Amino acid sequence: MFICDILLAMKSKLTLSIIGLSLAIGFGLLWFIYYGPNIVGTEQSFLWLPSFNATMNAISMTCVVGGIFAIKKKNKPKHIAYMGSAIGASALFLLGYLAHHSLHGDTIFAGEGAIRIIYFATLISHIILTFFALPLILLAVTYALLGRFENHKAVVRYTVPIWLYVSGSGILIYLFLRI
């Protein structure tokens, strides 16, 4: 059903534009991470960034849940505030992640055995779902801003669980790397 909904939504030039923008951002991020500026080891004073990033994921996750409860109680202003905060926290996470990766490079997971399999399964699913989260979030926000609330609801049905998983798994990845 999800694929059918996306394909139907793709008839819209707006939807195609958002998907194109999301792909450009996604591939731009991949380029930045693997081929972009690498100033590894130059700044030891930014070792707090992983904790900051995990905190931003936790705030984003909490705000998404708060936004769900607010809209179920028909409190639209509170819903908008929560969701705007969730987007803001996610954006700050992304900036922090890019800064940390530029300054410190990849963090190697040292765990062995079953925990290694769990870690990489979590990491891979996190990365894959991140590519779905961005266009879905952009679509949901765009539909809300345009007052197309039926479209908004249809997209949010998929956006919320993916967003919660990406934020929550981001926190788990942080914990795996710190323990």
C-alpha atoms as a PDB file:
ATOM      1  CA  MET A   1       0.000   0.000   0.000  1.00  0.00           C
ATOM      2  CA  PHE A   2       2.842   2.395   0.867  1.00  0.00           C
ATOM      3  CA  ILE A   3       4.444   2.123  -2.598  1.00  0.00           C
ATOM      4  CA  CYS A   4       1.046   2.635  -4.265  1.00  0.00           C
ATOM      5  CA  ASP A   5       0.417   5.767  -2.192  1.00  0.00           C
ATOM      6  CA  ILE A   6       3.819   7.176  -3.131  1.00  0.00           C
ATOM      7  CA  LEU A   7       3.308   6.380  -6.822  1.00  0.00           C
ATOM      8  CA  LEU A   8      -0.089   8.088  -6.791  1.00  0.00           C
ATOM      9  CA  ALA A   9       1.394  11.116  -5.049  1.00  0.00           C
ATOM     10  CA  MET A  10       4.163  11.283  -7.670  1.00  0.00           C
ATOM     11  CA  LYS A  11       1.654  12.568 -10.227  1.00  0.00           C
ATOM     12  CA  SER A  12       2.107  15.940  -8.574  1.00  0.00           C
ATOM     13  CA  LYS A  13       4.937  18.199  -9.749  1.00  0.00           C
ATOM     14  CA  LEU A  14       5.292  19.323  -6.133  1.00  0.00           C
ATOM     15  CA  THR A  15       5.832  15.745  -4.980  1.00  0.00           C
ATOM     16  CA  LEU A  16       8.347  15.097  -7.757  1.00  0.00           C
ATOM     17  CA  SER A  17      10.184  18.298  -6.791  1.00  0.00           C
ATOM     18  CA  ILE A  18      10.362  17.233  -3.148  1.00  0.00           C
ATOM     19  CA  ILE A  19      11.594  13.764  -4.075  1.00  0.00           C
ATOM     20  CA  GLY A  20      14.199  15.317  -6.403  1.00  0.00           C
ATOM     21  CA  LEU A  21      15.324  17.716  -3.670  1.00  0.00           C
ATOM     22  CA  SER A  22      15.529  14.846  -1.185  1.00  0.00           C
ATOM     23  CA  LEU A  23      17.621  12.770  -3.579  1.00  0.00           C
ATOM     24  CA  ALA A  24      19.933  15.721  -4.207  1.00  0.00           C
ATOM     25  CA  ILE A  25      20.331  16.291  -0.462  1.00  0.00           C
ATOM     26  CA  GLY A  26      20.842  12.560   0.188  1.00  0.00           C
ATOM     27  CA  PHE A  27      23.496  12.151  -2.483  1.00  0.00           C
ATOM     28  CA  GLY A  28      25.073  15.457  -1.434  1.00  0.00           C
ATOM     29  CA  LEU A  29      25.352  14.143   2.110  1.00  0.00           C
ATOM     30  CA  LEU A  30      26.864  10.892   0.904  1.00  0.00           C
ATOM     31  CA  TRP A  31      29.395  12.856  -1.118  1.00  0.00           C
ATOM     32  CA  PHE A  32      30.164  15.092   1.864  1.00  0.00           C
ATOM     33  CA  ILE A  33      30.620  12.125   4.190  1.00  0.00           C
ATOM     34  CA  TYR A  34      32.833  10.067   1.883  1.00  0.00           C
ATOM     35  CA  TYR A  35      34.559  12.655  -0.335  1.00  0.00           C
ATOM     36  CA  GLY A  36      34.033  16.035   1.313  1.00  0.00           C
ATOM     37  CA  PRO A  37      36.294  18.065   3.537  1.00  0.00           C
ATOM     38  CA  ASN A  38      38.196  15.894   5.959  1.00  0.00           C
ATOM     39  CA  ILE A  39      39.881  17.719   8.802  1.00  0.00           C
ATOM     40  CA  VAL A  40      40.135  14.658  11.025  1.00  0.00           C
ATOM     41  CA  GLY A  41      42.098  15.068  14.203  1.00  0.00           C
ATOM     42  CA  THR A  42      42.339  18.840  14.135  1.00  0.00           C
ATOM     43  CA  GLU A  43      39.806  19.623  16.846  1.00  0.00           C
ATOM     44  CA  GLN A  44      39.719  17.579  20.051  1.00  0.00           C
ATOM     45  CA  SER A  45      37.436  20.196  21.619  1.00  0.00           C
ATOM     46  CA  PHE A  46      34.433  18.858  19.679  1.00  0.00           C
ATOM     47  CA  LEU A  47      34.339  15.435  21.310  1.00  0.00           C
ATOM     48  CA  TRP A  48      30.950  16.393  22.797  1.00  0.00           C
ATOM     49  CA  LEU A  49      29.262  16.219  19.374  1.00  0.00           C
ATOM     50  CA  PRO A  50      28.139  12.545  19.566  1.00  0.00           C
ATOM     51  CA  SER A  51      26.361  13.242  22.873  1.00  0.00           C
ATOM     52  CA  PHE A  52      24.812  16.371  21.374  1.00  0.00           C
ATOM     53  CA  ASN A  53      23.639  14.392  18.341  1.00  0.00           C
ATOM     54  CA  ALA A  54      22.054  11.686  20.501  1.00  0.00           C
ATOM     55  CA  THR A  55      20.331  14.399  22.526  1.00  0.00           C
ATOM     56  CA  MET A  56      18.963  15.996  19.343  1.00  0.00           C
ATOM     57  CA  ASN A  57      17.621  12.584  18.279  1.00  0.00           C
ATOM     58  CA  ALA A  58      15.958  12.167  21.681  1.00  0.00           C
ATOM     59  CA  ILE A  59      14.421  15.645  21.498  1.00  0.00           C
ATOM     60  CA  SER A  60      13.190  14.994  17.959  1.00  0.00           C
ATOM     61  CA  MET A  61      11.640  11.689  18.975  1.00  0.00           C
ATOM     62  CA  THR A  62       9.993  13.226  22.055  1.00  0.00           C
ATOM     63  CA  CYS A  63       8.605  16.126  20.023  1.00  0.00           C
ATOM     64  CA  VAL A  64       7.153  13.811  17.354  1.00  0.00           C
ATOM     65  CA  VAL A  65       5.357  11.845  20.082  1.00  0.00           C
ATOM     66  CA  GLY A  66       4.198  15.119  21.678  1.00  0.00           C
ATOM     67  CA  GLY A  67       2.938  16.294  18.289  1.00  0.00           C
ATOM     68  CA  ILE A  68       0.924  13.100  17.862  1.00  0.00           C
ATOM     69  CA  PHE A  69      -0.736  13.517  21.253  1.00  0.00           C
ATOM     70  CA  ALA A  70      -1.399  17.208  20.614  1.00  0.00           C
ATOM     71  CA  ILE A  71      -3.151  16.623  17.292  1.00  0.00           C
ATOM     72  CA  LYS A  72      -5.191  13.753  18.760  1.00  0.00           C
ATOM     73  CA  LYS A  73      -6.417  16.248  21.349  1.00  0.00           C
ATOM     74  CA  LYS A  74      -7.176  18.673  18.473  1.00  0.00           C
ATOM     75  CA  ASN A  75      -4.593  21.157  19.766  1.00  0.00           C
ATOM     76  CA  LYS A  76      -3.263  22.383  16.432  1.00  0.00           C
ATOM     77  CA  PRO A  77      -0.975  25.180  17.789  1.00  0.00           C
ATOM     78  CA  LYS A  78       0.728  22.751  20.164  1.00  0.00           C
ATOM     79  CA  HIS A  79       1.019  20.175  17.362  1.00  0.00           C
ATOM     80  CA  ILE A  80       2.694  22.746  15.105  1.00  0.00           C
ATOM     81  CA  ALA A  81       5.093  23.768  17.904  1.00  0.00           C
ATOM     82  CA  TYR A  82       6.052  20.160  18.637  1.00  0.00           C
ATOM     83  CA  MET A  83       6.567  19.263  15.000  1.00  0.00           C
ATOM     84  CA  GLY A  84       8.545  22.431  14.300  1.00  0.00           C
ATOM     85  CA  SER A  85      10.752  21.566  17.271  1.00  0.00           C
ATOM     86  CA  ALA A  86      11.174  18.010  15.984  1.00  0.00           C
ATOM     87  CA  ILE A  87      12.306  19.346  12.599  1.00  0.00           C
ATOM     88  CA  GLY A  88      14.634  21.826  14.288  1.00  0.00           C
ATOM     89  CA  ALA A  89      16.198  19.128  16.469  1.00  0.00           C
ATOM     90  CA  SER A  90      16.635  16.863  13.429  1.00  0.00           C
ATOM     91  CA  ALA A  91      18.313  19.688  11.514  1.00  0.00           C
ATOM     92  CA  LEU A  92      20.660  20.376  14.433  1.00  0.00           C
ATOM     93  CA  PHE A  93      21.442  16.654  14.591  1.00  0.00           C
ATOM     94  CA  LEU A  94      22.380  16.682  10.911  1.00  0.00           C
ATOM     95  CA  LEU A  95      24.680  19.677  11.332  1.00  0.00           C
ATOM     96  CA  GLY A  96      26.288  18.072  14.378  1.00  0.00           C
ATOM     97  CA  TYR A  97      26.706  14.768  12.566  1.00  0.00           C
ATOM     98  CA  LEU A  98      28.371  16.396   9.568  1.00  0.00           C
ATOM     99  CA  ALA A  99      30.664  18.438  11.837  1.00  0.00           C
ATOM    100  CA  HIS A 100      31.623  15.364  13.879  1.00  0.00           C
ATOM    101  CA  HIS A 101      32.258  13.266  10.787  1.00  0.00           C
ATOM    102  CA  SER A 102      34.442  15.997   9.263  1.00  0.00           C
ATOM    103  CA  LEU A 103      36.443  16.453  12.450  1.00  0.00           C
ATOM    104  CA  HIS A 104      36.742  12.851  13.625  1.00  0.00           C
ATOM    105  CA  GLY A 105      35.981  10.593  10.654  1.00  0.00           C
ATOM    106  CA  ASP A 106      34.223   7.268  11.029  1.00  0.00           C
ATOM    107  CA  THR A 107      33.795   5.711  14.436  1.00  0.00           C
ATOM    108  CA  ILE A 108      34.723   2.037  14.370  1.00  0.00           C
ATOM    109  CA  PHE A 109      32.488  -0.380  16.252  1.00  0.00           C
ATOM    110  CA  ALA A 110      34.684  -2.656  18.367  1.00  0.00           C
ATOM    111  CA  GLY A 111      32.027  -5.099  19.557  1.00  0.00           C
ATOM    112  CA  GLU A 112      32.238  -8.770  18.638  1.00  0.00           C
ATOM    113  CA  GLY A 113      29.845 -11.649  18.272  1.00  0.00           C
ATOM    114  CA  ALA A 114      26.073 -11.247  18.309  1.00  0.00           C
ATOM    115  CA  ILE A 115      26.212  -7.585  19.392  1.00  0.00           C
ATOM    116  CA  ARG A 116      28.165  -6.797  16.205  1.00  0.00           C
ATOM    117  CA  ILE A 117      25.369  -8.277  14.074  1.00  0.00           C
ATOM    118  CA  ILE A 118      22.741  -6.335  16.040  1.00  0.00           C
ATOM    119  CA  TYR A 119      24.767  -3.122  15.691  1.00  0.00           C
ATOM    120  CA  PHE A 120      25.189  -3.408  11.930  1.00  0.00           C
ATOM    121  CA  ALA A 121      21.558  -4.443  11.394  1.00  0.00           C
ATOM    122  CA  THR A 122      20.502  -1.358  13.352  1.00  0.00           C
ATOM    123  CA  LEU A 123      22.971   0.890  11.514  1.00  0.00           C
ATOM    124  CA  ILE A 124      22.032  -0.340   8.039  1.00  0.00           C
ATOM    125  CA  SER A 125      18.287  -0.081   8.672  1.00  0.00           C
ATOM    126  CA  HIS A 126      18.847   3.386  10.190  1.00  0.00           C
ATOM    127  CA  ILE A 127      20.727   4.599   7.106  1.00  0.00           C
ATOM    128  CA  ILE A 128      18.216   3.141   4.635  1.00  0.00           C
ATOM    129  CA  LEU A 129      15.192   4.560   6.449  1.00  0.00           C
ATOM    130  CA  THR A 130      16.859   7.962   6.695  1.00  0.00           C
ATOM    131  CA  PHE A 131      16.577   8.216   2.911  1.00  0.00           C
ATOM    132  CA  PHE A 132      12.818   7.650   3.182  1.00  0.00           C
ATOM    133  CA  ALA A 133      12.369   9.973   6.162  1.00  0.00           C
ATOM    134  CA  LEU A 134      13.556  13.162   4.472  1.00  0.00           C
ATOM    135  CA  PRO A 135      11.138  13.220   1.515  1.00  0.00           C
ATOM    136  CA  LEU A 136       8.273  12.040   3.710  1.00  0.00           C
ATOM    137  CA  ILE A 137       8.903  14.795   6.262  1.00  0.00           C
ATOM    138  CA  LEU A 138       9.167  17.398   3.494  1.00  0.00           C
ATOM    139  CA  LEU A 139       5.945  16.128   1.910  1.00  0.00           C
ATOM    140  CA  ALA A 140       4.107  16.139   5.241  1.00  0.00           C
ATOM    141  CA  VAL A 141       5.202  19.695   6.028  1.00  0.00           C
ATOM    142  CA  THR A 142       4.424  20.932   2.523  1.00  0.00           C
ATOM    143  CA  TYR A 143       0.944  19.416   2.540  1.00  0.00           C
ATOM    144  CA  ALA A 144       0.250  20.918   5.968  1.00  0.00           C
ATOM    145  CA  LEU A 145       1.433  24.364   4.879  1.00  0.00           C
ATOM    146  CA  LEU A 146      -0.759  24.158   1.764  1.00  0.00           C
ATOM    147  CA  GLY A 147      -3.761  23.099   3.837  1.00  0.00           C
ATOM    148  CA  ARG A 148      -3.953  19.747   2.053  1.00  0.00           C
ATOM    149  CA  PHE A 149      -4.663  17.884   5.271  1.00  0.00           C
ATOM    150  CA  GLU A 150      -5.932  14.644   3.694  1.00  0.00           C
ATOM    151  CA  ASN A 151      -2.627  14.326   1.825  1.00  0.00           C
ATOM    152  CA  HIS A 152      -0.810  15.325   5.022  1.00  0.00           C
ATOM    153  CA  LYS A 153      -2.539  12.558   6.997  1.00  0.00           C
ATOM    154  CA  ALA A 154      -1.826   9.981   4.291  1.00  0.00           C
ATOM    155  CA  VAL A 155       1.904  10.799   4.261  1.00  0.00           C
ATOM    156  CA  VAL A 156       2.188  11.102   8.040  1.00  0.00           C
ATOM    157  CA  ARG A 157       0.871   7.561   8.430  1.00  0.00           C
ATOM    158  CA  TYR A 158       4.258   6.408   7.072  1.00  0.00           C
ATOM    159  CA  THR A 159       6.392   9.346   8.151  1.00  0.00           C
ATOM    160  CA  VAL A 160       5.851   9.052  11.904  1.00  0.00           C
ATOM    161  CA  PRO A 161       6.977   5.436  12.398  1.00  0.00           C
ATOM    162  CA  ILE A 162       9.976   5.931  10.122  1.00  0.00           C
ATOM    163  CA  TRP A 163      10.952   9.185  11.853  1.00  0.00           C
ATOM    164  CA  LEU A 164      10.608   7.584  15.285  1.00  0.00           C
ATOM    165  CA  TYR A 165      12.677   4.592  14.194  1.00  0.00           C
ATOM    166  CA  VAL A 166      15.420   6.748  12.669  1.00  0.00           C
ATOM    167  CA  SER A 167      15.642   8.938  15.783  1.00  0.00           C
ATOM    168  CA  GLY A 168      15.473   6.003  18.188  1.00  0.00           C
ATOM    169  CA  SER A 169      17.963   3.896  16.274  1.00  0.00           C
ATOM    170  CA  GLY A 170      20.287   6.915  16.147  1.00  0.00           C
ATOM    171  CA  ILE A 171      20.286   6.930  19.932  1.00  0.00           C
ATOM    172  CA  LEU A 172      20.932   3.159  19.992  1.00  0.00           C
ATOM    173  CA  ILE A 173      23.858   3.539  17.588  1.00  0.00           C
ATOM    174  CA  TYR A 174      25.333   6.205  19.876  1.00  0.00           C
ATOM    175  CA  LEU A 175      24.953   3.856  22.856  1.00  0.00           C
ATOM    176  CA  PHE A 176      26.499   0.922  20.961  1.00  0.00           C
ATOM    177  CA  LEU A 177      29.524   3.054  20.153  1.00  0.00           C
ATOM    178  CA  ARG A 178      29.909   4.340  23.720  1.00  0.00           C
ATOM    179  CA  ILE A 179      29.515   1.085  25.645  1.00  0.00           C
END
